[in-house]
Amino acid sequence: MLTFFRELFLPQRFFLALLANIFFYLLAYPFPVFLALAKLGTLAWIGLVLVDILMLFRQNQAVQAERICPEKLSNGDDNKLTIKVLNHYTFRVSLEVVDEISPQFQVRDFSFSFSLNPFEQKTINYTLKPVRRGVYNFGKVHVFVQSILGLVRRRYSFEFKKEVAVYPSYLQMRRFELIAFSQRLNELGVKKIRKLGHNMEFEQIRQYVIGDDFRSVNWKATARANQLMVNQFRDEKAQQIYSIIDKGRLMQMPFEGMTLLDYAINASLVISNVAIQKSDKAGLMTFNTHLHQYLPANSRPNQMQMILETLYHQKTDFQESDLEKLAIQVRQKITQRSLLLFFTNFETLSGMERQLPYFRAMAKQHLLILIFFQNTELRTLLESKASNTEEIYLQTIAEKFEYEKKLIVKELQRHS
């Protein structure tokens, strides 16, 4: 009996019918002729409610539901989830499926409404976009069922409680890996350029084609083949590529729901994966007031899994980053000349100039690439038309920040 009352719910139609009966009883005071109609309506209402209850509760587990959720979610991406619902009733029913998704999504009343014919199954596909790494707790799946009468509803609850970890964007990592190996990088704006010079490994001798460097002509092979032959080189393999991620207070800045640190983590994961797939070695360093994580560059089979797990646990704080300590650690730990991809952020020219000596120190031993972030919301604000004093003021401040970014870029280019 207790289970019955836990599963029984009264929809709006139940109370509307009840109000209609009360209305006829009220009319019966000045007009007694309505009393008989009110009594007849009450009996009909009670009878229909009992029939509706009998229809919905005569079968146990007349509705089945299942949530299909991946073991982990990709941060910043649309992750696909599925709910399957099967109707075992012998009549058509209306359903409302309520999924208890994790509170981190800040979505209430996450539900789907539809109808099912007898013994019909429906698959509901939906996407969720997490913006923070960590553990997300999913609860039950509730299915509210009502018949064509619609006077009562029965609730079915299915235990699908699950903890799902949100990892750095592995979906983006796979997408860029596919694009890189299918030679479609030009679709993302990556332009191919001819590499000049011979700082590469010899691969083969082939026939000359227009555009080849004359300095690569192999004269002995040309004489034997009686046509121009050139030496073909390939990129040197097993080069070290390090992603260095700043976890200081500036990386706490939010943008479209995610922090700059999360954007840096997602980009590092993509670059590291492509580097390893291209036979190079990928490594990782994270820091703020001191060096937090150091993963030596390697191309072993489990290197990407180690990078993924390391990035998953990274958190930022509001402390000022100490690049002097970082420069010392880079000199001590990375002894072979490497490509350093430094993810950080600057808001003022003076802030960048304070760190410039340490960048120059690292650039003496390695190829250093600074990656910092541009606020696209400022660009949108600048391109919009100001219509009042407040908007003019905001555009003036935005232009100041935009100009500061341009000065930072020019100053870095001057020292490159």
Protein backbone atom coordinates (compact mmCIF):
# COMPACT_ATOMS: atom_id res chain seq x y z
CA MET A 1 0.00 0.00 0.00
CA LEU A 2 2.85 2.37 0.84
CA THR A 3 4.40 1.64 -2.56
CA PHE A 4 1.07 2.45 -4.20
CA PHE A 5 0.94 5.93 -2.64
CA ARG A 6 4.59 6.60 -3.52
CA GLU A 7 3.86 5.85 -7.17
CA LEU A 8 0.48 7.63 -7.40
CA PHE A 9 0.48 11.25 -8.57
CA LEU A 10 -2.44 13.55 -9.35
CA PRO A 11 -2.10 15.62 -12.54
CA GLN A 12 -3.78 18.92 -13.37
CA ARG A 13 -6.75 17.25 -15.06
CA PHE A 14 -7.70 15.57 -11.76
CA PHE A 15 -8.03 18.91 -9.98
CA LEU A 16 -9.81 20.58 -12.90
CA ALA A 17 -12.47 17.86 -12.80
CA LEU A 18 -12.71 18.27 -9.03
CA LEU A 19 -13.15 22.04 -9.37
CA ALA A 20 -15.88 21.49 -11.96
CA ASN A 21 -17.79 19.31 -9.48
CA ILE A 22 -17.38 21.90 -6.73
CA PHE A 23 -18.65 24.56 -9.09
CA PHE A 24 -21.87 22.60 -9.72
CA TYR A 25 -22.37 22.13 -5.97
CA LEU A 26 -22.07 25.88 -5.50
CA LEU A 27 -24.62 26.47 -8.24
CA ALA A 28 -26.96 24.08 -6.43
CA TYR A 29 -27.46 26.60 -3.58
CA PRO A 30 -29.30 29.21 -5.67
CA PHE A 31 -30.44 26.66 -8.27
CA PRO A 32 -31.35 23.32 -6.64
CA VAL A 33 -31.77 21.75 -10.06
CA PHE A 34 -27.96 21.54 -10.33
CA LEU A 35 -27.68 19.34 -7.22
CA ALA A 36 -28.57 16.16 -9.06
CA LEU A 37 -26.14 17.08 -11.86
CA ALA A 38 -23.40 17.71 -9.29
CA LYS A 39 -23.96 14.33 -7.62
CA LEU A 40 -23.98 12.56 -10.99
CA GLY A 41 -20.74 14.32 -11.94
CA THR A 42 -19.11 13.34 -8.63
CA LEU A 43 -19.99 9.67 -9.13
CA ALA A 44 -18.69 9.78 -12.72
CA TRP A 45 -15.50 11.48 -11.56
CA ILE A 46 -14.89 8.90 -8.81
CA GLY A 47 -15.63 6.03 -11.20
CA LEU A 48 -13.24 7.34 -13.88
CA VAL A 49 -10.49 7.85 -11.30
CA LEU A 50 -10.87 4.26 -10.10
CA VAL A 51 -10.86 2.96 -13.66
CA ASP A 52 -7.74 5.01 -14.42
CA ILE A 53 -6.00 3.65 -11.32
CA LEU A 54 -6.92 0.11 -12.28
CA MET A 55 -5.59 0.57 -15.82
CA LEU A 56 -2.24 1.91 -14.65
CA PHE A 57 -1.62 -0.24 -11.59
CA ARG A 58 -2.90 -3.66 -12.62
CA GLN A 59 0.50 -4.50 -14.15
CA ASN A 60 3.85 -4.48 -12.38
CA GLN A 61 6.74 -2.92 -14.29
CA ALA A 62 4.57 -2.16 -17.30
CA VAL A 63 7.17 0.41 -18.35
CA GLN A 64 10.90 -0.14 -18.61
CA ALA A 65 13.59 2.51 -18.99
CA GLU A 66 17.36 2.46 -19.35
CA ARG A 67 19.95 5.26 -19.42
CA ILE A 68 23.04 4.64 -21.54
CA CYS A 69 25.87 6.88 -20.39
CA PRO A 70 29.58 6.77 -21.31
CA GLU A 71 32.10 5.90 -18.62
CA LYS A 72 33.62 9.36 -18.91
CA LEU A 73 32.58 12.68 -20.41
CA SER A 74 34.62 15.10 -22.49
CA ASN A 75 35.03 18.58 -21.03
CA GLY A 76 33.75 21.43 -23.18
CA ASP A 77 32.12 19.10 -25.73
CA ASP A 78 28.59 17.88 -26.42
CA ASN A 79 28.48 14.35 -24.99
CA LYS A 80 25.77 12.00 -26.22
CA LEU A 81 23.54 10.17 -23.74
CA THR A 82 20.61 7.89 -24.47
CA ILE A 83 17.45 6.83 -22.65
CA LYS A 84 15.42 3.87 -23.93
CA VAL A 85 11.78 3.50 -22.85
CA LEU A 86 9.56 0.46 -23.55
CA ASN A 87 5.78 0.37 -23.08
CA HIS A 88 4.32 -2.99 -21.95
CA TYR A 89 0.77 -1.66 -21.54
CA THR A 90 -1.91 -2.89 -23.92
CA PHE A 91 -3.08 0.67 -24.59
CA ARG A 92 -1.53 3.95 -25.66
CA VAL A 93 0.05 5.96 -22.83
CA SER A 94 1.51 9.43 -22.41
CA LEU A 95 4.87 9.60 -20.67
CA GLU A 96 7.14 12.17 -19.12
CA VAL A 97 10.73 11.03 -18.57
CA VAL A 98 12.66 12.96 -15.92
CA ASP A 99 16.39 12.31 -15.75
CA GLU A 100 18.25 13.26 -12.58
CA ILE A 101 21.35 14.64 -14.24
CA SER A 102 24.28 15.92 -12.22
CA PRO A 103 23.73 19.22 -10.34
CA GLN A 104 26.90 20.64 -11.94
CA PHE A 105 24.95 21.18 -15.17
CA GLN A 106 22.65 23.63 -13.35
CA VAL A 107 19.61 22.30 -15.25
CA ARG A 108 16.34 21.69 -13.40
CA ASP A 109 13.30 19.78 -14.65
CA PHE A 110 15.29 17.97 -17.30
CA SER A 111 12.44 16.03 -18.91
CA PHE A 112 11.01 14.67 -22.16
CA SER A 113 7.31 14.21 -22.95
CA PHE A 114 5.93 11.86 -25.62
CA SER A 115 3.40 9.08 -26.24
CA LEU A 116 3.90 5.37 -26.88
CA ASN A 117 1.66 2.81 -28.52
CA PRO A 118 1.26 -0.66 -26.98
CA PHE A 119 4.62 -2.51 -26.80
CA GLU A 120 6.39 0.35 -28.57
CA GLN A 121 9.94 1.44 -27.71
CA LYS A 122 11.37 4.93 -28.00
CA THR A 123 15.00 6.02 -27.90
CA ILE A 124 15.75 9.49 -26.57
CA ASN A 125 19.08 10.98 -27.56
CA TYR A 126 20.32 14.13 -25.86
CA THR A 127 23.62 15.88 -25.24
CA LEU A 128 25.24 17.39 -22.16
CA LYS A 129 28.13 19.84 -22.19
CA PRO A 130 30.20 19.89 -18.99
CA VAL A 131 32.46 22.89 -18.45
CA ARG A 132 34.44 21.68 -15.44
CA ARG A 133 36.56 18.62 -14.86
CA GLY A 134 35.75 16.33 -11.96
CA VAL A 135 33.20 13.74 -10.85
CA TYR A 136 29.56 14.18 -11.89
CA ASN A 137 26.83 12.24 -10.07
CA PHE A 138 23.82 11.04 -12.03
CA GLY A 139 20.69 9.91 -10.16
CA LYS A 140 17.55 8.00 -11.02
CA VAL A 141 15.43 8.00 -14.15
CA HIS A 142 11.74 8.67 -13.40
CA VAL A 143 8.95 7.85 -15.86
CA PHE A 144 5.49 9.34 -15.22
CA VAL A 145 2.74 7.45 -17.08
CA GLN A 146 -0.87 8.39 -17.67
CA SER A 147 -3.62 6.81 -19.75
CA ILE A 148 -5.99 8.51 -22.18
CA LEU A 149 -8.20 9.51 -19.22
CA GLY A 150 -5.32 11.47 -17.65
CA LEU A 151 -6.86 11.66 -14.15
CA VAL A 152 -3.96 9.97 -12.35
CA ARG A 153 -0.27 9.37 -13.07
CA ARG A 154 1.93 6.48 -12.09
CA ARG A 155 5.59 6.99 -11.42
CA TYR A 156 8.23 4.40 -12.27
CA SER A 157 11.67 5.00 -10.79
CA PHE A 158 14.75 3.24 -12.12
CA GLU A 159 18.03 3.11 -10.20
CA PHE A 160 20.74 4.34 -12.54
CA LYS A 161 22.91 6.19 -10.02
CA LYS A 162 26.35 6.59 -11.46
CA GLU A 163 29.52 8.60 -10.97
CA VAL A 164 31.00 9.81 -14.24
CA ALA A 165 34.38 11.53 -14.48
CA VAL A 166 34.69 14.53 -16.79
CA TYR A 167 38.11 14.40 -18.46
CA PRO A 168 39.89 16.92 -20.69
CA SER A 169 38.45 17.03 -24.18
CA TYR A 170 39.29 13.59 -25.56
CA LEU A 171 36.58 14.03 -28.23
CA GLN A 172 38.43 17.05 -29.57
CA MET A 173 41.67 15.07 -29.37
CA ARG A 174 40.24 12.30 -31.56
CA ARG A 175 38.74 14.76 -34.03
CA PHE A 176 42.02 16.60 -34.57
CA GLU A 177 43.88 13.30 -34.79
CA LEU A 178 41.57 12.18 -37.60
CA ILE A 179 41.90 15.51 -39.39
CA ALA A 180 45.69 15.50 -39.09
CA PHE A 181 46.07 12.01 -40.52
CA SER A 182 43.51 12.52 -43.28
CA GLN A 183 45.50 15.57 -44.50
CA ARG A 184 42.51 17.91 -44.00
CA LEU A 185 44.16 20.49 -41.78
CA ASN A 186 43.50 23.16 -44.39
CA GLU A 187 39.82 22.97 -43.39
CA LEU A 188 40.84 24.41 -40.00
CA GLY A 189 42.88 27.20 -41.57
CA VAL A 190 46.23 25.42 -41.32
CA LYS A 191 48.19 26.30 -44.46
CA LYS A 192 50.88 24.04 -45.85
CA ILE A 193 54.22 25.69 -46.57
CA ARG A 194 57.35 24.38 -48.23
CA LYS A 195 60.15 23.72 -45.77
CA LEU A 196 63.51 25.02 -46.96
CA GLY A 197 66.86 23.75 -45.83
CA HIS A 198 68.26 20.31 -45.09
CA ASN A 199 67.81 19.95 -41.36
CA MET A 200 65.98 16.70 -42.07
CA GLU A 201 66.70 13.00 -42.45
CA PHE A 202 67.32 11.44 -45.88
CA GLU A 203 64.42 9.30 -47.09
CA GLN A 204 64.77 8.45 -50.80
CA ILE A 205 65.86 9.56 -54.29
CA ARG A 206 63.06 10.54 -56.65
CA GLN A 207 62.49 12.34 -59.94
CA TYR A 208 62.71 16.13 -59.96
CA VAL A 209 59.43 18.07 -60.13
CA ILE A 210 58.91 21.79 -60.57
CA GLY A 211 59.37 23.58 -57.25
CA ASP A 212 62.05 21.30 -55.82
CA ASP A 213 65.17 22.92 -54.43
CA PHE A 214 68.04 22.67 -56.95
CA ARG A 215 70.44 22.18 -54.05
CA SER A 216 68.88 18.77 -53.42
CA VAL A 217 69.74 17.47 -56.93
CA ASN A 218 71.64 14.15 -56.78
CA TRP A 219 74.03 14.44 -59.72
CA LYS A 220 75.22 10.82 -59.62
CA ALA A 221 71.67 9.51 -59.76
CA THR A 222 70.89 12.08 -62.48
CA ALA A 223 73.74 10.78 -64.62
CA ARG A 224 72.63 7.16 -64.23
CA ALA A 225 68.97 7.85 -64.94
CA ASN A 226 69.59 10.45 -67.63
CA GLN A 227 67.04 12.77 -65.96
CA LEU A 228 67.07 15.10 -62.99
CA MET A 229 66.87 13.21 -59.67
CA VAL A 230 66.68 14.81 -56.25
CA ASN A 231 67.21 13.67 -52.68
CA GLN A 232 64.00 13.60 -50.66
CA PHE A 233 64.18 14.29 -46.98
CA ARG A 234 61.72 13.72 -44.18
CA ASP A 235 61.21 15.47 -40.90
CA GLU A 236 63.39 14.37 -38.07
CA LYS A 237 61.52 12.07 -35.71
CA ALA A 238 61.52 11.66 -31.94
CA GLN A 239 61.70 15.39 -31.25
CA GLN A 240 60.68 16.52 -27.78
CA ILE A 241 57.55 18.65 -27.45
CA TYR A 242 56.57 20.00 -24.03
CA SER A 243 53.29 21.63 -23.10
CA ILE A 244 53.92 24.07 -20.22
CA ILE A 245 50.72 25.22 -18.52
CA ASP A 246 50.53 28.25 -16.25
CA LYS A 247 48.10 27.63 -13.35
CA GLY A 248 48.27 31.14 -11.86
CA ARG A 249 45.41 33.49 -11.09
CA LEU A 250 45.11 34.83 -14.65
CA MET A 251 44.25 31.34 -15.86
CA GLN A 252 41.21 31.34 -13.56
CA MET A 253 39.47 33.81 -15.87
CA PRO A 254 36.20 32.32 -17.19
CA PHE A 255 35.17 32.35 -20.83
CA GLU A 256 31.94 30.74 -22.09
CA GLY A 257 31.65 28.70 -18.90
CA MET A 258 35.19 27.30 -18.91
CA THR A 259 38.36 28.70 -17.37
CA LEU A 260 41.39 29.54 -19.48
CA LEU A 261 43.16 26.68 -17.73
CA ASP A 262 40.66 24.21 -19.17
CA TYR A 263 41.16 25.62 -22.67
CA ALA A 264 44.93 25.24 -22.22
CA ILE A 265 44.49 21.67 -20.96
CA ASN A 266 42.30 20.70 -23.92
CA ALA A 267 44.77 22.20 -26.40
CA SER A 268 47.71 20.46 -24.70
CA LEU A 269 45.95 17.11 -24.93
CA VAL A 270 45.32 17.56 -28.66
CA ILE A 271 48.88 18.67 -29.44
CA SER A 272 50.45 15.92 -27.35
CA ASN A 273 48.37 13.23 -29.05
CA VAL A 274 49.19 14.42 -32.57
CA ALA A 275 52.89 14.70 -31.66
CA ILE A 276 53.01 11.10 -30.40
CA GLN A 277 51.08 9.82 -33.40
CA LYS A 278 53.62 11.59 -35.63
CA SER A 279 56.47 9.70 -33.87
CA ASP A 280 57.59 12.61 -31.71
CA LYS A 281 57.84 12.69 -27.92
CA ALA A 282 55.31 14.60 -25.81
CA GLY A 283 55.88 15.88 -22.28
CA LEU A 284 54.07 18.07 -19.78
CA MET A 285 54.86 20.69 -17.13
CA THR A 286 52.39 22.58 -14.92
CA PHE A 287 53.31 25.33 -12.45
CA ASN A 288 52.28 28.45 -10.54
CA THR A 289 54.36 29.37 -7.47
CA HIS A 290 56.44 26.23 -8.06
CA LEU A 291 56.58 23.28 -10.42
CA HIS A 292 53.54 21.06 -9.75
CA GLN A 293 53.78 18.32 -12.34
CA TYR A 294 56.59 17.20 -14.60
CA LEU A 295 56.08 14.40 -17.09
CA PRO A 296 59.23 13.74 -19.17
CA ALA A 297 58.74 13.68 -22.93
CA ASN A 298 58.27 10.17 -24.24
CA SER A 299 56.43 8.26 -26.95
CA ARG A 300 55.77 5.04 -25.05
CA PRO A 301 52.35 3.39 -25.58
CA ASN A 302 50.89 4.58 -22.27
CA GLN A 303 52.23 8.14 -22.49
CA MET A 304 48.91 9.63 -23.64
CA GLN A 305 47.04 7.93 -20.82
CA MET A 306 49.53 9.37 -18.33
CA ILE A 307 49.14 12.84 -19.85
CA LEU A 308 45.35 12.53 -19.75
CA GLU A 309 45.33 11.48 -16.09
CA THR A 310 47.78 14.23 -15.15
CA LEU A 311 45.74 16.91 -16.90
CA TYR A 312 42.53 15.63 -15.29
CA HIS A 313 43.78 16.51 -11.79
CA GLN A 314 45.08 20.01 -12.56
CA LYS A 315 43.51 22.92 -10.67
CA THR A 316 44.30 26.61 -10.62
CA ASP A 317 44.31 29.12 -7.77
CA PHE A 318 44.63 32.86 -7.31
CA GLN A 319 48.38 32.98 -6.69
CA GLU A 320 50.90 34.79 -8.85
CA SER A 321 52.97 32.49 -11.06
CA ASP A 322 56.74 32.44 -10.46
CA LEU A 323 58.43 32.19 -13.87
CA GLU A 324 61.89 32.53 -12.36
CA LYS A 325 61.51 29.17 -10.61
CA LEU A 326 60.03 27.70 -13.80
CA ALA A 327 63.01 28.84 -15.89
CA ILE A 328 65.35 27.14 -13.41
CA GLN A 329 63.36 23.91 -13.52
CA VAL A 330 63.25 23.94 -17.33
CA ARG A 331 67.05 24.35 -17.47
CA GLN A 332 67.58 21.52 -15.01
CA LYS A 333 65.02 18.99 -16.25
CA ILE A 334 64.91 19.54 -20.03
CA THR A 335 68.51 19.11 -21.15
CA GLN A 336 67.81 18.34 -24.83
CA ARG A 337 66.73 21.17 -27.14
CA SER A 338 62.93 20.93 -27.34
CA LEU A 339 59.82 22.68 -28.56
CA LEU A 340 58.14 24.40 -25.59
CA LEU A 341 54.47 25.35 -25.98
CA PHE A 342 53.88 27.78 -23.13
CA PHE A 343 50.19 28.37 -22.25
CA THR A 344 49.75 31.54 -20.20
CA ASN A 345 47.88 34.83 -20.28
CA PHE A 346 48.68 38.55 -20.06
CA GLU A 347 46.34 41.45 -19.53
CA THR A 348 48.89 44.29 -19.41
CA LEU A 349 52.13 45.10 -21.19
CA SER A 350 53.92 45.74 -17.89
CA GLY A 351 52.87 42.29 -16.66
CA MET A 352 54.43 40.69 -19.72
CA GLU A 353 57.61 42.76 -19.49
CA ARG A 354 58.20 41.52 -15.92
CA GLN A 355 58.30 37.96 -17.25
CA LEU A 356 60.21 38.71 -20.45
CA PRO A 357 63.73 37.95 -19.05
CA TYR A 358 62.62 34.44 -18.10
CA PHE A 359 61.11 33.82 -21.53
CA ARG A 360 64.36 34.91 -23.14
CA ALA A 361 66.32 32.61 -20.83
CA MET A 362 64.23 29.60 -21.87
CA ALA A 363 64.38 30.60 -25.54
CA LYS A 364 68.20 30.44 -25.50
CA GLN A 365 68.17 26.67 -25.05
CA HIS A 366 64.81 25.75 -26.59
CA LEU A 367 62.34 26.77 -29.26
CA LEU A 368 59.75 28.65 -27.18
CA ILE A 369 56.22 29.40 -28.42
CA LEU A 370 54.05 31.57 -26.18
CA ILE A 371 50.33 30.88 -26.39
CA PHE A 372 48.06 33.37 -24.66
CA PHE A 373 44.38 34.14 -25.03
CA GLN A 374 42.40 36.79 -26.85
CA ASN A 375 39.04 37.85 -25.44
CA THR A 376 36.64 37.45 -28.36
CA GLU A 377 33.86 39.05 -26.31
CA LEU A 378 35.83 42.30 -26.46
CA ARG A 379 35.98 42.02 -30.25
CA THR A 380 32.20 41.52 -30.37
CA LEU A 381 31.71 44.57 -28.14
CA LEU A 382 33.99 46.70 -30.32
CA GLU A 383 32.17 45.70 -33.50
CA SER A 384 28.75 46.58 -32.07
CA LYS A 385 27.31 50.08 -32.41
CA ALA A 386 27.11 52.16 -29.22
CA SER A 387 23.72 53.79 -28.60
CA ASN A 388 24.14 55.38 -25.17
CA THR A 389 26.77 56.76 -22.81
CA GLU A 390 27.24 53.48 -20.93
CA GLU A 391 27.95 51.53 -24.12
CA ILE A 392 30.41 54.21 -25.27
CA TYR A 393 32.22 53.88 -21.95
CA LEU A 394 32.35 50.08 -22.24
CA GLN A 395 33.69 50.30 -25.79
CA THR A 396 36.39 52.73 -24.65
CA ILE A 397 37.54 50.30 -21.95
CA ALA A 398 37.40 47.42 -24.45
CA GLU A 399 39.56 49.36 -26.93
CA LYS A 400 42.11 49.96 -24.18
CA PHE A 401 42.38 46.20 -23.47
CA GLU A 402 42.49 45.42 -27.19
CA TYR A 403 45.28 47.93 -27.74
CA GLU A 404 47.19 46.48 -24.78
CA LYS A 405 47.04 43.01 -26.33
CA LYS A 406 48.41 44.34 -29.61
CA LEU A 407 51.31 45.99 -27.78
CA ILE A 408 52.07 42.68 -26.04
CA VAL A 409 52.15 40.83 -29.36
CA LYS A 410 54.44 43.44 -30.96
CA GLU A 411 56.81 43.38 -28.00
CA LEU A 412 57.04 39.59 -28.10
CA GLN A 413 57.63 39.65 -31.86
CA ARG A 414 60.41 42.19 -31.38
CA HIS A 415 62.25 39.77 -29.07
CA SER A 416 61.59 36.65 -31.15
